[in-house]
PDB file of N, CA and C in Angstrom:
ATOM      1  N   MET A   1       5.983  19.187 -16.853  1.00  0.00           N
ATOM      2  CA  MET A   1       6.803  20.423 -16.335  1.00  0.00           C
ATOM      3  C   MET A   1       5.662  19.911 -14.757  1.00  0.00           C
ATOM      4  N   GLN A   2       3.943  20.041 -15.807  1.00  0.00           N
ATOM      5  CA  GLN A   2       3.200  20.272 -14.300  1.00  0.00           C
ATOM      6  C   GLN A   2       3.299  18.787 -14.284  1.00  0.00           C
ATOM      7  N   GLN A   3       2.833  17.514 -14.846  1.00  0.00           N
ATOM      8  CA  GLN A   3       3.444  16.660 -14.900  1.00  0.00           C
ATOM      9  C   GLN A   3       3.800  15.423 -14.269  1.00  0.00           C
ATOM     10  N   GLN A   4       4.900  15.704 -14.028  1.00  0.00           N
ATOM     11  CA  GLN A   4       5.928  16.196 -13.292  1.00  0.00           C
ATOM     12  C   GLN A   4       5.441  15.926 -11.903  1.00  0.00           C
ATOM     13  N   ASN A   5       5.508  17.587 -11.520  1.00  0.00           N
ATOM     14  CA  ASN A   5       4.342  17.518 -10.074  1.00  0.00           C
ATOM     15  C   ASN A   5       2.947  16.658  -9.305  1.00  0.00           C
ATOM     16  N   SER A   6       2.800  16.583 -10.781  1.00  0.00           N
ATOM     17  CA  SER A   6       1.840  15.738  -9.906  1.00  0.00           C
ATOM     18  C   SER A   6       1.826  14.140  -9.874  1.00  0.00           C
ATOM     19  N   VAL A   7       2.794  13.938 -10.415  1.00  0.00           N
ATOM     20  CA  VAL A   7       3.153  12.435 -10.180  1.00  0.00           C
ATOM     21  C   VAL A   7       3.839  12.063  -8.726  1.00  0.00           C
ATOM     22  N   ALA A   8       5.202  13.430  -8.181  1.00  0.00           N
ATOM     23  CA  ALA A   8       6.016  13.690  -6.981  1.00  0.00           C
ATOM     24  C   ALA A   8       4.177  13.527  -5.919  1.00  0.00           C
ATOM     25  N   ARG A   9       3.870  14.116  -6.081  1.00  0.00           N
ATOM     26  CA  ARG A   9       2.165  14.367  -5.106  1.00  0.00           C
ATOM     27  C   ARG A   9       1.180  12.947  -4.793  1.00  0.00           C
ATOM     28  N   THR A  10       1.400  12.066  -5.822  1.00  0.00           N
ATOM     29  CA  THR A  10       0.948  10.923  -6.260  1.00  0.00           C
ATOM     30  C   THR A  10       2.241  10.148  -5.252  1.00  0.00           C
ATOM     31  N   GLY A  11       3.344   9.825  -5.024  1.00  0.00           N
ATOM     32  CA  GLY A  11       3.754   9.397  -5.124  1.00  0.00           C
ATOM     33  C   GLY A  11       3.469   9.894  -3.566  1.00  0.00           C
ATOM     34  N   ILE A  12       3.786  10.535  -3.071  1.00  0.00           N
ATOM     35  CA  ILE A  12       3.891  10.915  -0.767  1.00  0.00           C
ATOM     36  C   ILE A  12       2.236  10.816  -0.661  1.00  0.00           C
ATOM     37  N   ASN A  13       1.114  10.780  -1.200  1.00  0.00           N
ATOM     38  CA  ASN A  13       0.093  10.374  -0.932  1.00  0.00           C
ATOM     39  C   ASN A  13      -0.547   8.737  -0.827  1.00  0.00           C
ATOM     40  N   GLU A  14       0.640   8.682  -2.017  1.00  0.00           N
ATOM     41  CA  GLU A  14       0.868   6.416  -1.942  1.00  0.00           C
ATOM     42  C   GLU A  14       0.918   6.120  -0.109  1.00  0.00           C
ATOM     43  N   ASN A  15       2.926   7.077  -0.612  1.00  0.00           N
ATOM     44  CA  ASN A  15       3.632   6.127   1.146  1.00  0.00           C
ATOM     45  C   ASN A  15       2.274   6.180   1.727  1.00  0.00           C
ATOM     46  N   ARG A  16       2.314   7.839   2.130  1.00  0.00           N
ATOM     47  CA  ARG A  16       0.960   7.808   3.223  1.00  0.00           C
ATOM     48  C   ARG A  16      -0.342   6.709   3.332  1.00  0.00           C
ATOM     49  N   VAL A  17      -1.242   6.552   3.004  1.00  0.00           N
ATOM     50  CA  VAL A  17      -1.759   5.663   2.578  1.00  0.00           C
ATOM     51  C   VAL A  17      -0.801   4.136   2.466  1.00  0.00           C
ATOM     52  N   THR A  18       0.171   3.738   2.234  1.00  0.00           N
ATOM     53  CA  THR A  18       0.578   2.141   2.473  1.00  0.00           C
ATOM     54  C   THR A  18       1.638   2.771   4.130  1.00  0.00           C
ATOM     55  N   GLN A  19       1.775   3.684   4.557  1.00  0.00           N
ATOM     56  CA  GLN A  19       2.438   3.638   6.489  1.00  0.00           C
ATOM     57  C   GLN A  19       0.911   3.295   6.528  1.00  0.00           C
ATOM     58  N   ALA A  20      -0.073   4.414   6.191  1.00  0.00           N
ATOM     59  CA  ALA A  20      -1.338   3.223   7.524  1.00  0.00           C
ATOM     60  C   ALA A  20      -1.163   2.387   7.680  1.00  0.00           C
ATOM     61  N   LEU A  21      -1.584   1.444   6.092  1.00  0.00           N
ATOM     62  CA  LEU A  21      -1.661   0.605   5.717  1.00  0.00           C
ATOM     63  C   LEU A  21      -1.022  -0.702   6.737  1.00  0.00           C
ATOM     64  N   ARG A  22       0.133  -0.376   6.591  1.00  0.00           N
ATOM     65  CA  ARG A  22       1.392  -1.338   7.283  1.00  0.00           C
ATOM     66  C   ARG A  22       0.641  -1.035   8.867  1.00  0.00           C
ATOM     67  N   ALA A  23       0.920   0.050   9.334  1.00  0.00           N
ATOM     68  CA  ALA A  23      -0.224   0.619  10.840  1.00  0.00           C
ATOM     69  C   ALA A  23      -0.804  -0.274  10.847  1.00  0.00           C
ATOM     70  N   ALA A  24      -2.068  -0.489  10.165  1.00  0.00           N
ATOM     71  CA  ALA A  24      -2.866  -1.229  10.429  1.00  0.00           C
ATOM     72  C   ALA A  24      -3.051  -2.515  10.443  1.00  0.00           C
ATOM     73  N   ARG A  25      -1.500  -3.020   9.814  1.00  0.00           N
ATOM     74  CA  ARG A  25      -1.627  -4.591  10.175  1.00  0.00           C
ATOM     75  C   ARG A  25      -0.815  -4.490  10.589  1.00  0.00           C
ATOM     76  N   GLN A  26       0.349  -3.957  11.883  1.00  0.00           N
ATOM     77  CA  GLN A  26       0.715  -4.529  12.767  1.00  0.00           C
ATOM     78  C   GLN A  26      -0.499  -4.549  14.336  1.00  0.00           C
ATOM     79  N   GLN A  27      -1.935  -3.469  14.014  1.00  0.00           N
ATOM     80  CA  GLN A  27      -2.433  -3.471  15.185  1.00  0.00           C
ATOM     81  C   GLN A  27      -3.028  -4.788  14.799  1.00  0.00           C
ATOM     82  N   VAL A  28      -3.494  -4.921  13.682  1.00  0.00           N
ATOM     83  CA  VAL A  28      -4.210  -6.513  13.734  1.00  0.00           C
ATOM     84  C   VAL A  28      -3.210  -7.362  14.452  1.00  0.00           C
ATOM     85  N   ARG A  29      -1.959  -7.413  14.288  1.00  0.00           N
ATOM     86  CA  ARG A  29      -0.857  -8.727  14.714  1.00  0.00           C
ATOM     87  C   ARG A  29      -1.055  -8.364  15.916  1.00  0.00           C
ATOM     88  N   LEU A  30      -1.254  -7.376  16.400  1.00  0.00           N
ATOM     89  CA  LEU A  30      -0.844  -6.460  18.351  1.00  0.00           C
ATOM     90  C   LEU A  30      -1.994  -7.193  18.876  1.00  0.00           C
ATOM     91  N   ALA A  31      -3.324  -7.014  18.409  1.00  0.00           N
ATOM     92  CA  ALA A  31      -5.227  -7.963  18.746  1.00  0.00           C
ATOM     93  C   ALA A  31      -4.927  -9.297  18.910  1.00  0.00           C
ATOM     94  N   GLN A  32      -4.506  -9.744  17.747  1.00  0.00           N
ATOM     95  CA  GLN A  32      -4.569 -10.904  17.345  1.00  0.00           C
ATOM     96  C   GLN A  32      -4.420 -11.946  19.407  1.00  0.00           C
ATOM     97  N   ALA A  33      -3.220 -11.212  19.656  1.00  0.00           N
ATOM     98  CA  ALA A  33      -2.236 -12.167  20.666  1.00  0.00           C
ATOM     99  C   ALA A  33      -3.426 -12.613  21.906  1.00  0.00           C
ATOM    100  N   GLY A  34      -4.536 -11.710  22.352  1.00  0.00           N
ATOM    101  CA  GLY A  34      -5.078 -11.887  23.369  1.00  0.00           C
ATOM    102  C   GLY A  34      -6.997 -12.141  22.597  1.00  0.00           C
ATOM    103  N   ALA A  35      -7.047 -11.809  20.970  1.00  0.00           N
ATOM    104  CA  ALA A  35      -7.994 -12.690  20.494  1.00  0.00           C
ATOM    105  C   ALA A  35      -8.938 -14.422  20.647  1.00  0.00           C
ATOM    106  N   GLY A  36      -9.998 -14.852  20.877  1.00  0.00           N
ATOM    107  CA  GLY A  36     -10.385 -15.484  21.073  1.00  0.00           C
ATOM    108  C   GLY A  36     -10.312 -16.619  20.122  1.00  0.00           C
ATOM    109  N   ARG A  37     -11.251 -17.361  19.724  1.00  0.00           N
ATOM    110  CA  ARG A  37      -9.950 -18.178  18.469  1.00  0.00           C
ATOM    111  C   ARG A  37     -11.171 -18.140  16.911  1.00  0.00           C
ATOM    112  N   ARG A  38     -12.279 -17.344  17.460  1.00  0.00           N
ATOM    113  CA  ARG A  38     -12.907 -16.668  16.210  1.00  0.00           C
ATOM    114  C   ARG A  38     -12.640 -15.742  15.931  1.00  0.00           C
ATOM    115  N   MET A  39     -11.938 -15.008  16.391  1.00  0.00           N
ATOM    116  CA  MET A  39     -11.859 -13.275  17.080  1.00  0.00           C
ATOM    117  C   MET A  39     -10.371 -13.254  15.799  1.00  0.00           C
ATOM    118  N   GLN A  40      -9.696 -14.333  16.269  1.00  0.00           N
ATOM    119  CA  GLN A  40      -8.207 -14.783  15.809  1.00  0.00           C
ATOM    120  C   GLN A  40      -7.949 -15.218  14.355  1.00  0.00           C
ATOM    121  N   ASP A  41      -8.958 -15.619  13.684  1.00  0.00           N
ATOM    122  CA  ASP A  41      -9.128 -15.955  12.362  1.00  0.00           C
ATOM    123  C   ASP A  41      -9.551 -15.132  11.566  1.00  0.00           C
ATOM    124  N   VAL A  42     -10.739 -14.072  12.863  1.00  0.00           N
ATOM    125  CA  VAL A  42     -10.881 -12.526  11.224  1.00  0.00           C
ATOM    126  C   VAL A  42      -9.934 -11.637  11.172  1.00  0.00           C
ATOM    127  N   LEU A  43      -9.026 -11.893  12.499  1.00  0.00           N
ATOM    128  CA  LEU A  43      -8.161 -10.774  12.246  1.00  0.00           C
ATOM    129  C   LEU A  43      -7.256 -11.090  11.358  1.00  0.00           C
ATOM    130  N   THR A  44      -6.835 -12.852  11.453  1.00  0.00           N
ATOM    131  CA  THR A  44      -6.275 -13.619  10.238  1.00  0.00           C
ATOM    132  C   THR A  44      -6.440 -12.871   8.854  1.00  0.00           C
ATOM    133  N   GLU A  45      -7.480 -12.922   8.175  1.00  0.00           N
ATOM    134  CA  GLU A  45      -7.999 -12.737   7.436  1.00  0.00           C
ATOM    135  C   GLU A  45      -7.770 -11.221   6.969  1.00  0.00           C
ATOM    136  N   LEU A  46      -7.691 -10.018   7.732  1.00  0.00           N
ATOM    137  CA  LEU A  46      -8.363  -9.153   7.376  1.00  0.00           C
ATOM    138  C   LEU A  46      -6.868  -8.907   7.351  1.00  0.00           C
ATOM    139  N   ASP A  47      -5.560  -9.677   7.942  1.00  0.00           N
ATOM    140  CA  ASP A  47      -4.040  -8.952   8.105  1.00  0.00           C
ATOM    141  C   ASP A  47      -3.973  -9.124   6.762  1.00  0.00           C
ATOM    142  N   HIS A  48      -4.365 -10.357   5.953  1.00  0.00           N
ATOM    143  CA  HIS A  48      -4.077 -10.499   4.851  1.00  0.00           C
ATOM    144  C   HIS A  48      -4.707  -9.692   3.861  1.00  0.00           C
ATOM    145  N   ILE A  49      -5.491  -9.488   3.902  1.00  0.00           N
ATOM    146  CA  ILE A  49      -5.999  -8.592   3.196  1.00  0.00           C
ATOM    147  C   ILE A  49      -5.099  -7.543   3.340  1.00  0.00           C
ATOM    148  N   LEU A  50      -4.981  -6.790   4.562  1.00  0.00           N
ATOM    149  CA  LEU A  50      -4.112  -5.399   3.985  1.00  0.00           C
ATOM    150  C   LEU A  50      -2.675  -6.280   3.502  1.00  0.00           C
ATOM    151  N   GLU A  51      -2.099  -7.271   3.931  1.00  0.00           N
ATOM    152  CA  GLU A  51      -0.823  -7.299   2.881  1.00  0.00           C
ATOM    153  C   GLU A  51      -1.365  -7.498   1.148  1.00  0.00           C
ATOM    154  N   ASP A  52      -2.343  -8.056   1.311  1.00  0.00           N
ATOM    155  CA  ASP A  52      -2.902  -7.799  -0.564  1.00  0.00           C
ATOM    156  C   ASP A  52      -2.480  -6.481  -0.626  1.00  0.00           C
ATOM    157  N   GLN A  53      -3.018  -5.526  -0.570  1.00  0.00           N
ATOM    158  CA  GLN A  53      -3.322  -4.001  -0.479  1.00  0.00           C
ATOM    159  C   GLN A  53      -2.058  -3.204  -0.790  1.00  0.00           C
ATOM    160  N   ILE A  54      -0.992  -3.857   0.511  1.00  0.00           N
ATOM    161  CA  ILE A  54      -0.081  -3.085   0.057  1.00  0.00           C
ATOM    162  C   ILE A  54       1.121  -3.441  -0.646  1.00  0.00           C
ATOM    163  N   VAL A  55       0.784  -5.459  -1.015  1.00  0.00           N
ATOM    164  CA  VAL A  55       1.645  -5.682  -2.610  1.00  0.00           C
ATOM    165  C   VAL A  55       0.992  -4.947  -4.105  1.00  0.00           C
ATOM    166  N   ALA A  56      -0.464  -4.769  -3.947  1.00  0.00           N
ATOM    167  CA  ALA A  56      -0.870  -3.787  -5.182  1.00  0.00           C
ATOM    168  C   ALA A  56      -1.186  -2.424  -5.142  1.00  0.00           C
ATOM    169  N   ILE A  57      -0.425  -2.246  -3.814  1.00  0.00           N
ATOM    170  CA  ILE A  57      -0.028  -0.735  -4.228  1.00  0.00           C
ATOM    171  C   ILE A  57       1.485  -0.593  -4.800  1.00  0.00           C
ATOM    172  N   ALA A  58       1.953  -1.552  -4.320  1.00  0.00           N
ATOM    173  CA  ALA A  58       3.396  -1.512  -4.750  1.00  0.00           C
ATOM    174  C   ALA A  58       4.013  -1.133  -5.890  1.00  0.00           C
ATOM    175  N   ASN A  59       3.440  -2.939  -6.437  1.00  0.00           N
ATOM    176  CA  ASN A  59       2.709  -3.490  -7.636  1.00  0.00           C
ATOM    177  C   ASN A  59       2.494  -1.986  -8.693  1.00  0.00           C
ATOM    178  N   ALA A  60       1.398  -1.198  -7.933  1.00  0.00           N
ATOM    179  CA  ALA A  60       0.527  -0.272  -8.963  1.00  0.00           C
ATOM    180  C   ALA A  60       1.703   0.733  -9.205  1.00  0.00           C
ATOM    181  N   ALA A  61       2.573   0.940  -8.954  1.00  0.00           N
ATOM    182  CA  ALA A  61       4.137   1.511  -8.543  1.00  0.00           C
ATOM    183  C   ALA A  61       4.636   1.407  -9.749  1.00  0.00           C
ATOM    184  N   VAL A  62       4.587  -0.084  -9.527  1.00  0.00           N
ATOM    185  CA  VAL A  62       5.711  -0.477 -10.618  1.00  0.00           C
ATOM    186  C   VAL A  62       5.091   0.000 -12.166  1.00  0.00           C
ATOM    187  N   ASP A  63       4.084  -0.858 -12.249  1.00  0.00           N
ATOM    188  CA  ASP A  63       3.562  -0.341 -13.423  1.00  0.00           C
ATOM    189  C   ASP A  63       2.481   1.180 -13.974  1.00  0.00           C
ATOM    190  N   ASP A  64       3.143   2.255 -12.947  1.00  0.00           N
ATOM    191  CA  ASP A  64       2.546   3.176 -13.420  1.00  0.00           C
ATOM    192  C   ASP A  64       4.085   3.902 -14.152  1.00  0.00           C
ATOM    193  N   SER A  65       5.237   3.596 -13.379  1.00  0.00           N
ATOM    194  CA  SER A  65       6.794   3.922 -13.790  1.00  0.00           C
ATOM    195  C   SER A  65       7.211   3.194 -14.718  1.00  0.00           C
ATOM    196  N   SER A  66       7.032   2.517 -14.312  1.00  0.00           N
ATOM    197  CA  SER A  66       7.072   1.122 -16.812  1.00  0.00           C
ATOM    198  C   SER A  66       5.661   2.112 -17.926  1.00  0.00           C
ATOM    199  N   ASP A  67       5.042   2.282 -17.587  1.00  0.00           N
ATOM    200  CA  ASP A  67       3.923   3.382 -18.509  1.00  0.00           C
ATOM    201  C   ASP A  67       5.329   4.511 -18.656  1.00  0.00           C
ATOM    202  N   ALA A  68       4.878   5.543 -17.455  1.00  0.00           N
ATOM    203  CA  ALA A  68       5.194   6.801 -17.930  1.00  0.00           C
ATOM    204  C   ALA A  68       6.537   6.634 -18.481  1.00  0.00           C
ATOM    205  N   GLU A  69       7.079   5.161 -18.366  1.00  0.00           N
ATOM    206  CA  GLU A  69       8.889   5.436 -18.910  1.00  0.00           C
ATOM    207  C   GLU A  69       8.592   4.922 -20.903  1.00  0.00           C
ATOM    208  N   LEU A  70       7.746   4.219 -20.652  1.00  0.00           N
ATOM    209  CA  LEU A  70       7.549   4.124 -22.652  1.00  0.00           C
ATOM    210  C   LEU A  70       6.897   5.218 -22.943  1.00  0.00           C
ATOM    211  N   ALA A  71       5.798   5.769 -22.243  1.00  0.00           N
ATOM    212  CA  ALA A  71       5.123   7.035 -22.777  1.00  0.00           C
ATOM    213  C   ALA A  71       6.389   7.825 -23.026  1.00  0.00           C
ATOM    214  N   GLY A  72       7.334   8.508 -22.257  1.00  0.00           N
ATOM    215  CA  GLY A  72       8.465   9.017 -22.405  1.00  0.00           C
ATOM    216  C   GLY A  72       8.052  10.053 -21.688  1.00  0.00           C
ATOM    217  N   ASN A  73       7.297  10.081 -20.166  1.00  0.00           N
ATOM    218  CA  ASN A  73       7.310  10.754 -19.330  1.00  0.00           C
ATOM    219  C   ASN A  73       7.694  10.362 -18.196  1.00  0.00           C
ATOM    220  N   TRP A  74       8.879   9.797 -18.317  1.00  0.00           N
ATOM    221  CA  TRP A  74       8.977   9.836 -16.914  1.00  0.00           C
ATOM    222  C   TRP A  74      10.446  10.483 -16.474  1.00  0.00           C
ATOM    223  N   PRO A  75       9.659  10.897 -15.036  1.00  0.00           N
ATOM    224  CA  PRO A  75      10.100  12.395 -14.752  1.00  0.00           C
ATOM    225  C   PRO A  75      11.845  11.983 -14.345  1.00  0.00           C
ATOM    226  N   ASP A  76      12.709  13.391 -14.180  1.00  0.00           N
ATOM    227  CA  ASP A  76      13.507  13.881 -14.545  1.00  0.00           C
ATOM    228  C   ASP A  76      14.295  13.697 -13.180  1.00  0.00           C
TER     229      ASP A  76
END
């Protein structure tokens, strides 16, 4: 039972992190509008980094769920 509760709490925290990364990404995109060429380059790179991290979190969640299911620890 304890493992199921910890998985649920972890998922909530991971969702908050993902939401924060998405908000940061939106701010980066807004900042690009009035930025100079060099700043736009840096902000574009940051946008890509944030997207990579969002995808990495989603992939890790899927992998962890698959691992839990294979181990027979899938929460009800």
